[in-house]
PDB file of N, CA and C in Angstrom:
ATOM      1  N   UNK A   1       0.902  -1.304  -0.039  1.00  0.00           N
ATOM      2  CA  UNK A   1       0.047   0.071   0.019  1.00  0.00           C
ATOM      3  C   UNK A   1       0.837   1.232  -0.057  1.00  0.00           C
ATOM      4  N   UNK A   2       2.154   1.076   0.385  1.00  0.00           N
ATOM      5  CA  UNK A   2       2.937   2.416   0.467  1.00  0.00           C
ATOM      6  C   UNK A   2       3.056   2.906  -0.975  1.00  0.00           C
ATOM      7  N   UNK A   3       3.270   2.118  -1.898  1.00  0.00           N
ATOM      8  CA  UNK A   3       3.513   2.390  -3.322  1.00  0.00           C
ATOM      9  C   UNK A   3       2.114   3.052  -3.971  1.00  0.00           C
ATOM     10  N   UNK A   4       1.202   2.518  -3.467  1.00  0.00           N
ATOM     11  CA  UNK A   4      -0.226   3.054  -3.670  1.00  0.00           C
ATOM     12  C   UNK A   4      -0.394   4.510  -3.179  1.00  0.00           C
ATOM     13  N   UNK A   5       0.173   4.719  -1.927  1.00  0.00           N
ATOM     14  CA  UNK A   5       0.023   5.791  -1.526  1.00  0.00           C
ATOM     15  C   UNK A   5       0.802   7.037  -2.311  1.00  0.00           C
ATOM     16  N   UNK A   6       2.254   6.473  -2.507  1.00  0.00           N
ATOM     17  CA  UNK A   6       3.105   7.416  -3.664  1.00  0.00           C
ATOM     18  C   UNK A   6       2.554   7.664  -4.883  1.00  0.00           C
ATOM     19  N   UNK A   7       1.672   6.574  -5.308  1.00  0.00           N
ATOM     20  CA  UNK A   7       1.233   6.865  -6.712  1.00  0.00           C
ATOM     21  C   UNK A   7       0.239   7.800  -6.715  1.00  0.00           C
ATOM     22  N   UNK A   8      -0.668   7.760  -5.797  1.00  0.00           N
ATOM     23  CA  UNK A   8      -1.823   8.678  -5.540  1.00  0.00           C
ATOM     24  C   UNK A   8      -1.277   9.989  -5.271  1.00  0.00           C
ATOM     25  N   UNK A   9      -0.472  10.277  -4.506  1.00  0.00           N
ATOM     26  CA  UNK A   9       0.110  11.804  -4.185  1.00  0.00           C
ATOM     27  C   UNK A   9       0.963  12.139  -5.569  1.00  0.00           C
ATOM     28  N   UNK A  10       1.536  11.186  -6.176  1.00  0.00           N
ATOM     29  CA  UNK A  10       2.456  11.662  -7.373  1.00  0.00           C
ATOM     30  C   UNK A  10       1.056  12.140  -8.597  1.00  0.00           C
ATOM     31  N   UNK A  11      -0.199  11.498  -8.525  1.00  0.00           N
ATOM     32  CA  UNK A  11      -1.088  11.953  -9.319  1.00  0.00           C
ATOM     33  C   UNK A  11      -1.871  13.233  -8.934  1.00  0.00           C
ATOM     34  N   UNK A  12      -2.074  13.270  -7.570  1.00  0.00           N
ATOM     35  CA  UNK A  12      -3.091  14.393  -7.155  1.00  0.00           C
ATOM     36  C   UNK A  12      -2.264  15.371  -6.525  1.00  0.00           C
ATOM     37  N   UNK A  13      -1.108  15.558  -6.403  1.00  0.00           N
ATOM     38  CA  UNK A  13      -0.146  16.226  -5.720  1.00  0.00           C
ATOM     39  C   UNK A  13      -0.076  16.619  -4.165  1.00  0.00           C
ATOM     40  N   UNK A  14      -1.239  16.698  -3.612  1.00  0.00           N
ATOM     41  CA  UNK A  14      -1.495  16.733  -2.104  1.00  0.00           C
ATOM     42  C   UNK A  14      -2.832  16.173  -1.848  1.00  0.00           C
ATOM     43  N   UNK A  15      -2.874  15.452  -0.601  1.00  0.00           N
ATOM     44  CA  UNK A  15      -4.168  14.801  -0.056  1.00  0.00           C
ATOM     45  C   UNK A  15      -3.995  15.019   1.440  1.00  0.00           C
ATOM     46  N   UNK A  16      -5.171  15.204   2.263  1.00  0.00           N
ATOM     47  CA  UNK A  16      -5.258  15.116   3.436  1.00  0.00           C
ATOM     48  C   UNK A  16      -5.232  13.809   4.100  1.00  0.00           C
ATOM     49  N   UNK A  17      -5.153  13.755   5.211  1.00  0.00           N
ATOM     50  CA  UNK A  17      -5.171  12.356   5.846  1.00  0.00           C
ATOM     51  C   UNK A  17      -6.486  11.850   5.593  1.00  0.00           C
ATOM     52  N   UNK A  18      -7.434  12.388   5.884  1.00  0.00           N
ATOM     53  CA  UNK A  18      -8.963  12.066   5.435  1.00  0.00           C
ATOM     54  C   UNK A  18      -9.196  11.782   4.100  1.00  0.00           C
ATOM     55  N   UNK A  19      -8.562  12.335   3.301  1.00  0.00           N
ATOM     56  CA  UNK A  19      -8.766  12.224   1.846  1.00  0.00           C
ATOM     57  C   UNK A  19      -8.082  10.710   1.517  1.00  0.00           C
ATOM     58  N   UNK A  20      -7.121  10.472   1.929  1.00  0.00           N
ATOM     59  CA  UNK A  20      -6.197   9.289   1.658  1.00  0.00           C
ATOM     60  C   UNK A  20      -6.944   8.057   2.404  1.00  0.00           C
ATOM     61  N   UNK A  21      -7.434   8.379   3.567  1.00  0.00           N
ATOM     62  CA  UNK A  21      -8.116   7.190   4.379  1.00  0.00           C
ATOM     63  C   UNK A  21      -9.579   6.792   3.624  1.00  0.00           C
ATOM     64  N   UNK A  22     -10.167   7.805   3.252  1.00  0.00           N
ATOM     65  CA  UNK A  22     -11.421   7.579   2.424  1.00  0.00           C
ATOM     66  C   UNK A  22     -11.075   7.008   1.152  1.00  0.00           C
ATOM     67  N   UNK A  23     -10.044   7.362   0.216  1.00  0.00           N
ATOM     68  CA  UNK A  23      -9.709   6.646  -0.862  1.00  0.00           C
ATOM     69  C   UNK A  23      -9.269   5.074  -0.895  1.00  0.00           C
ATOM     70  N   UNK A  24      -8.613   4.797   0.119  1.00  0.00           N
ATOM     71  CA  UNK A  24      -8.020   3.563   0.357  1.00  0.00           C
ATOM     72  C   UNK A  24      -8.872   2.718   1.401  1.00  0.00           C
ATOM     73  N   UNK A  25     -10.103   3.251   1.643  1.00  0.00           N
ATOM     74  CA  UNK A  25     -10.982   2.637   2.500  1.00  0.00           C
ATOM     75  C   UNK A  25     -10.601   1.940   3.862  1.00  0.00           C
ATOM     76  N   UNK A  26      -9.578   2.657   4.759  1.00  0.00           N
ATOM     77  CA  UNK A  26      -8.975   2.318   5.801  1.00  0.00           C
ATOM     78  C   UNK A  26      -8.940   3.387   6.782  1.00  0.00           C
ATOM     79  N   UNK A  27      -8.679   3.138   7.848  1.00  0.00           N
ATOM     80  CA  UNK A  27      -8.865   4.229   9.187  1.00  0.00           C
ATOM     81  C   UNK A  27      -7.732   5.078   8.900  1.00  0.00           C
ATOM     82  N   UNK A  28      -7.982   6.259   9.518  1.00  0.00           N
ATOM     83  CA  UNK A  28      -7.005   7.258   9.469  1.00  0.00           C
ATOM     84  C   UNK A  28      -5.751   6.972  10.129  1.00  0.00           C
ATOM     85  N   UNK A  29      -5.771   6.304  11.102  1.00  0.00           N
ATOM     86  CA  UNK A  29      -4.834   5.969  11.832  1.00  0.00           C
ATOM     87  C   UNK A  29      -3.842   4.809  11.276  1.00  0.00           C
ATOM     88  N   UNK A  30      -4.343   4.080  10.460  1.00  0.00           N
ATOM     89  CA  UNK A  30      -3.655   2.954   9.309  1.00  0.00           C
ATOM     90  C   UNK A  30      -2.901   3.883   8.516  1.00  0.00           C
ATOM     91  N   UNK A  31      -3.540   4.862   7.765  1.00  0.00           N
ATOM     92  CA  UNK A  31      -2.814   5.852   6.765  1.00  0.00           C
ATOM     93  C   UNK A  31      -1.856   6.515   7.616  1.00  0.00           C
ATOM     94  N   UNK A  32      -2.027   7.048   8.588  1.00  0.00           N
ATOM     95  CA  UNK A  32      -1.201   8.066   9.334  1.00  0.00           C
ATOM     96  C   UNK A  32       0.198   7.198   9.600  1.00  0.00           C
ATOM     97  N   UNK A  33       0.122   5.800  10.011  1.00  0.00           N
ATOM     98  CA  UNK A  33       1.135   4.979  10.219  1.00  0.00           C
ATOM     99  C   UNK A  33       1.862   4.894   9.001  1.00  0.00           C
ATOM    100  N   UNK A  34       1.321   4.726   7.788  1.00  0.00           N
ATOM    101  CA  UNK A  34       2.103   4.397   6.655  1.00  0.00           C
ATOM    102  C   UNK A  34       2.718   5.711   6.319  1.00  0.00           C
ATOM    103  N   UNK A  35       1.994   6.809   6.303  1.00  0.00           N
ATOM    104  CA  UNK A  35       2.684   8.001   5.914  1.00  0.00           C
ATOM    105  C   UNK A  35       3.877   8.645   7.008  1.00  0.00           C
ATOM    106  N   UNK A  36       3.825   8.008   8.174  1.00  0.00           N
ATOM    107  CA  UNK A  36       4.924   8.126   9.140  1.00  0.00           C
ATOM    108  C   UNK A  36       6.001   7.606   8.400  1.00  0.00           C
ATOM    109  N   UNK A  37       6.073   6.347   8.227  1.00  0.00           N
ATOM    110  CA  UNK A  37       7.087   5.621   7.416  1.00  0.00           C
ATOM    111  C   UNK A  37       7.459   6.211   6.186  1.00  0.00           C
ATOM    112  N   UNK A  38       6.746   6.647   5.400  1.00  0.00           N
ATOM    113  CA  UNK A  38       7.103   7.439   4.071  1.00  0.00           C
ATOM    114  C   UNK A  38       7.917   8.782   4.392  1.00  0.00           C
ATOM    115  N   UNK A  39       7.425   9.457   5.436  1.00  0.00           N
ATOM    116  CA  UNK A  39       8.004  10.665   6.071  1.00  0.00           C
ATOM    117  C   UNK A  39       9.447  10.184   6.496  1.00  0.00           C
ATOM    118  N   UNK A  40       9.663   9.368   7.169  1.00  0.00           N
ATOM    119  CA  UNK A  40      10.842   8.720   7.901  1.00  0.00           C
ATOM    120  C   UNK A  40      11.877   8.525   6.686  1.00  0.00           C
ATOM    121  N   UNK A  41      11.275   8.139   5.457  1.00  0.00           N
ATOM    122  CA  UNK A  41      11.958   7.786   4.456  1.00  0.00           C
ATOM    123  C   UNK A  41      12.372   8.814   3.453  1.00  0.00           C
ATOM    124  N   UNK A  42      11.859  10.016   3.812  1.00  0.00           N
ATOM    125  CA  UNK A  42      11.919  11.374   3.087  1.00  0.00           C
ATOM    126  C   UNK A  42      11.078  10.944   1.773  1.00  0.00           C
ATOM    127  N   UNK A  43      10.187  10.383   1.710  1.00  0.00           N
ATOM    128  CA  UNK A  43       9.344  10.206   0.210  1.00  0.00           C
ATOM    129  C   UNK A  43       8.323  11.031   0.343  1.00  0.00           C
ATOM    130  N   UNK A  44       7.526  11.568   1.542  1.00  0.00           N
ATOM    131  CA  UNK A  44       6.476  12.518   1.373  1.00  0.00           C
ATOM    132  C   UNK A  44       6.712  13.476   2.741  1.00  0.00           C
ATOM    133  N   UNK A  45       6.031  14.729   2.436  1.00  0.00           N
ATOM    134  CA  UNK A  45       5.983  15.789   3.373  1.00  0.00           C
ATOM    135  C   UNK A  45       4.794  16.178   3.876  1.00  0.00           C
ATOM    136  N   UNK A  46       4.560  16.414   5.197  1.00  0.00           N
ATOM    137  CA  UNK A  46       3.357  16.737   5.910  1.00  0.00           C
ATOM    138  C   UNK A  46       3.408  18.280   6.036  1.00  0.00           C
ATOM    139  N   UNK A  47       2.342  19.179   5.295  1.00  0.00           N
ATOM    140  CA  UNK A  47       2.341  20.430   5.299  1.00  0.00           C
ATOM    141  C   UNK A  47       1.175  21.063   6.264  1.00  0.00           C
ATOM    142  N   UNK A  48       1.629  21.547   7.227  1.00  0.00           N
ATOM    143  CA  UNK A  48       0.657  21.974   8.029  1.00  0.00           C
ATOM    144  C   UNK A  48       0.212  23.452   7.307  1.00  0.00           C
ATOM    145  N   UNK A  49      -1.228  23.712   7.324  1.00  0.00           N
ATOM    146  CA  UNK A  49      -1.839  24.852   6.766  1.00  0.00           C
ATOM    147  C   UNK A  49      -1.953  25.920   7.990  1.00  0.00           C
ATOM    148  N   UNK A  50      -1.065  26.738   8.248  1.00  0.00           N
ATOM    149  CA  UNK A  50      -0.898  27.576   9.093  1.00  0.00           C
ATOM    150  C   UNK A  50      -1.203  29.111   8.884  1.00  0.00           C
ATOM    151  N   UNK A  51      -1.955  29.700   9.763  1.00  0.00           N
ATOM    152  CA  UNK A  51      -2.459  30.965   9.470  1.00  0.00           C
ATOM    153  C   UNK A  51      -1.740  31.969  10.311  1.00  0.00           C
ATOM    154  N   UNK A  52      -0.624  31.805  10.639  1.00  0.00           N
ATOM    155  CA  UNK A  52       0.288  32.282  11.693  1.00  0.00           C
ATOM    156  C   UNK A  52       0.423  33.664  11.352  1.00  0.00           C
ATOM    157  N   UNK A  53       0.375  34.221  10.154  1.00  0.00           N
ATOM    158  CA  UNK A  53       0.321  35.662  10.003  1.00  0.00           C
ATOM    159  C   UNK A  53      -0.943  36.296   9.909  1.00  0.00           C
ATOM    160  N   UNK A  54      -2.012  35.625  10.280  1.00  0.00           N
ATOM    161  CA  UNK A  54      -3.321  36.194  10.372  1.00  0.00           C
ATOM    162  C   UNK A  54      -3.502  36.932  11.685  1.00  0.00           C
ATOM    163  N   UNK A  55      -3.930  38.214  11.563  1.00  0.00           N
ATOM    164  CA  UNK A  55      -4.094  39.096  12.761  1.00  0.00           C
ATOM    165  C   UNK A  55      -5.589  39.036  13.398  1.00  0.00           C
ATOM    166  N   UNK A  56      -6.418  38.243  13.017  1.00  0.00           N
ATOM    167  CA  UNK A  56      -7.643  38.207  13.257  1.00  0.00           C
ATOM    168  C   UNK A  56      -8.067  37.128  14.361  1.00  0.00           C
ATOM    169  N   UNK A  57      -6.839  36.426  14.958  1.00  0.00           N
ATOM    170  CA  UNK A  57      -6.982  35.411  15.920  1.00  0.00           C
ATOM    171  C   UNK A  57      -7.795  34.004  15.542  1.00  0.00           C
ATOM    172  N   UNK A  58      -7.641  33.910  14.178  1.00  0.00           N
ATOM    173  CA  UNK A  58      -7.846  32.754  13.271  1.00  0.00           C
ATOM    174  C   UNK A  58      -9.462  32.852  13.208  1.00  0.00           C
ATOM    175  N   UNK A  59     -10.143  33.791  13.535  1.00  0.00           N
ATOM    176  CA  UNK A  59     -11.544  33.626  13.494  1.00  0.00           C
ATOM    177  C   UNK A  59     -12.213  33.922  12.180  1.00  0.00           C
ATOM    178  N   UNK A  60     -11.413  34.519  11.412  1.00  0.00           N
ATOM    179  CA  UNK A  60     -11.618  35.013   9.900  1.00  0.00           C
ATOM    180  C   UNK A  60     -10.499  34.369   8.732  1.00  0.00           C
ATOM    181  N   UNK A  61      -9.819  33.463   9.258  1.00  0.00           N
ATOM    182  CA  UNK A  61      -8.657  33.099   8.532  1.00  0.00           C
ATOM    183  C   UNK A  61      -9.380  32.009   7.351  1.00  0.00           C
ATOM    184  N   UNK A  62      -8.990  31.742   6.280  1.00  0.00           N
ATOM    185  CA  UNK A  62      -9.329  30.769   5.420  1.00  0.00           C
ATOM    186  C   UNK A  62      -8.891  29.275   5.769  1.00  0.00           C
ATOM    187  N   UNK A  63      -7.739  29.373   6.342  1.00  0.00           N
ATOM    188  CA  UNK A  63      -7.240  28.160   6.684  1.00  0.00           C
ATOM    189  C   UNK A  63      -7.424  27.577   8.193  1.00  0.00           C
ATOM    190  N   UNK A  64      -8.326  28.288   8.636  1.00  0.00           N
ATOM    191  CA  UNK A  64      -8.887  27.915  10.313  1.00  0.00           C
ATOM    192  C   UNK A  64      -9.112  26.604  10.256  1.00  0.00           C
ATOM    193  N   UNK A  65     -10.028  25.768   9.559  1.00  0.00           N
ATOM    194  CA  UNK A  65     -10.118  24.389   9.770  1.00  0.00           C
ATOM    195  C   UNK A  65      -9.667  23.596   8.763  1.00  0.00           C
ATOM    196  N   UNK A  66      -8.563  24.047   7.803  1.00  0.00           N
ATOM    197  CA  UNK A  66      -8.170  23.139   7.033  1.00  0.00           C
ATOM    198  C   UNK A  66      -7.222  22.062   7.761  1.00  0.00           C
ATOM    199  N   UNK A  67      -7.027  20.922   7.301  1.00  0.00           N
ATOM    200  CA  UNK A  67      -6.383  19.955   7.723  1.00  0.00           C
ATOM    201  C   UNK A  67      -5.128  20.034   6.898  1.00  0.00           C
ATOM    202  N   UNK A  68      -3.876  19.468   7.706  1.00  0.00           N
ATOM    203  CA  UNK A  68      -2.610  19.236   6.937  1.00  0.00           C
ATOM    204  C   UNK A  68      -2.745  18.510   6.051  1.00  0.00           C
ATOM    205  N   UNK A  69      -1.866  18.525   4.989  1.00  0.00           N
ATOM    206  CA  UNK A  69      -1.927  17.787   3.705  1.00  0.00           C
ATOM    207  C   UNK A  69      -0.522  17.107   3.458  1.00  0.00           C
ATOM    208  N   UNK A  70      -0.477  15.943   2.457  1.00  0.00           N
ATOM    209  CA  UNK A  70       0.989  15.262   2.440  1.00  0.00           C
ATOM    210  C   UNK A  70       0.917  15.476   1.054  1.00  0.00           C
ATOM    211  N   UNK A  71       2.481  15.757   0.765  1.00  0.00           N
ATOM    212  CA  UNK A  71       2.766  16.030  -0.674  1.00  0.00           C
ATOM    213  C   UNK A  71       3.814  15.010  -0.882  1.00  0.00           C
ATOM    214  N   UNK A  72       4.128  14.563  -1.920  1.00  0.00           N
ATOM    215  CA  UNK A  72       5.279  13.763  -2.536  1.00  0.00           C
ATOM    216  C   UNK A  72       6.687  14.608  -2.675  1.00  0.00           C
ATOM    217  N   UNK A  73       7.615  14.110  -2.125  1.00  0.00           N
ATOM    218  CA  UNK A  73       8.952  14.818  -2.161  1.00  0.00           C
ATOM    219  C   UNK A  73       9.440  14.289  -3.590  1.00  0.00           C
ATOM    220  N   UNK A  74       9.689  15.044  -4.372  1.00  0.00           N
ATOM    221  CA  UNK A  74      10.067  14.828  -5.999  1.00  0.00           C
ATOM    222  C   UNK A  74      11.547  15.034  -6.217  1.00  0.00           C
ATOM    223  N   UNK A  75      12.591  14.780  -5.270  1.00  0.00           N
ATOM    224  CA  UNK A  75      13.880  15.103  -5.723  1.00  0.00           C
ATOM    225  C   UNK A  75      14.393  13.768  -6.504  1.00  0.00           C
ATOM    226  N   UNK A  76      15.545  14.178  -7.104  1.00  0.00           N
ATOM    227  CA  UNK A  76      15.907  12.921  -8.090  1.00  0.00           C
ATOM    228  C   UNK A  76      16.257  11.746  -7.245  1.00  0.00           C
ATOM    229  N   UNK A  77      16.788  11.673  -6.071  1.00  0.00           N
ATOM    230  CA  UNK A  77      16.935  10.572  -5.400  1.00  0.00           C
ATOM    231  C   UNK A  77      15.562   9.729  -5.152  1.00  0.00           C
ATOM    232  N   UNK A  78      14.504  10.467  -4.601  1.00  0.00           N
ATOM    233  CA  UNK A  78      13.222   9.978  -4.587  1.00  0.00           C
ATOM    234  C   UNK A  78      12.592   9.410  -5.670  1.00  0.00           C
ATOM    235  N   UNK A  79      12.772   9.927  -6.721  1.00  0.00           N
ATOM    236  CA  UNK A  79      12.263   9.545  -8.033  1.00  0.00           C
ATOM    237  C   UNK A  79      12.747   8.230  -8.423  1.00  0.00           C
ATOM    238  N   UNK A  80      14.226   7.946  -8.202  1.00  0.00           N
ATOM    239  CA  UNK A  80      14.746   6.849  -8.534  1.00  0.00           C
ATOM    240  C   UNK A  80      14.509   5.601  -7.498  1.00  0.00           C
ATOM    241  N   UNK A  81      14.183   6.164  -6.154  1.00  0.00           N
ATOM    242  CA  UNK A  81      14.008   5.068  -5.107  1.00  0.00           C
ATOM    243  C   UNK A  81      12.612   4.686  -5.441  1.00  0.00           C
ATOM    244  N   UNK A  82      11.531   5.403  -5.933  1.00  0.00           N
ATOM    245  CA  UNK A  82      10.280   5.046  -6.054  1.00  0.00           C
ATOM    246  C   UNK A  82      10.413   4.110  -7.170  1.00  0.00           C
ATOM    247  N   UNK A  83      11.003   4.395  -8.348  1.00  0.00           N
ATOM    248  CA  UNK A  83      10.901   3.468  -9.450  1.00  0.00           C
ATOM    249  C   UNK A  83      11.516   2.291  -9.017  1.00  0.00           C
ATOM    250  N   UNK A  84      12.667   2.077  -8.288  1.00  0.00           N
ATOM    251  CA  UNK A  84      13.155   0.784  -7.881  1.00  0.00           C
ATOM    252  C   UNK A  84      12.152   0.067  -7.118  1.00  0.00           C
ATOM    253  N   UNK A  85      11.276   0.675  -6.167  1.00  0.00           N
ATOM    254  CA  UNK A  85      10.282   0.016  -5.463  1.00  0.00           C
ATOM    255  C   UNK A  85       9.374  -0.400  -6.302  1.00  0.00           C
ATOM    256  N   UNK A  86       8.732   0.152  -7.370  1.00  0.00           N
ATOM    257  CA  UNK A  86       7.701  -0.333  -8.336  1.00  0.00           C
ATOM    258  C   UNK A  86       8.181  -1.354  -9.164  1.00  0.00           C
ATOM    259  N   UNK A  87       9.429  -1.864  -9.456  1.00  0.00           N
ATOM    260  CA  UNK A  87       9.740  -2.870 -10.187  1.00  0.00           C
ATOM    261  C   UNK A  87       9.907  -4.032  -9.531  1.00  0.00           C
ATOM    262  N   UNK A  88       9.379  -5.199 -10.119  1.00  0.00           N
ATOM    263  CA  UNK A  88       9.007  -6.550  -9.466  1.00  0.00           C
ATOM    264  C   UNK A  88      10.547  -7.143  -9.159  1.00  0.00           C
TER     265      UNK A  88
END
């Protein structure tokens, strides 16, 4: 399933934890564990949507209730590693 997550992030650019769990029909905790593995291997990054520059105490911020998203790290090293993982 790790390869499937990488493929989906490559296709869709970014996904929230909830979106990934719904797509793969597993719990958020299951996806989160897999994403932690991929983060440790530097394959994905978690991007916290932070409205830290907002001066309205987050009551009017567009990012107020937005979840963090995960994106694929697309360095040359990671691309070759993904290709190696996908080969039988």
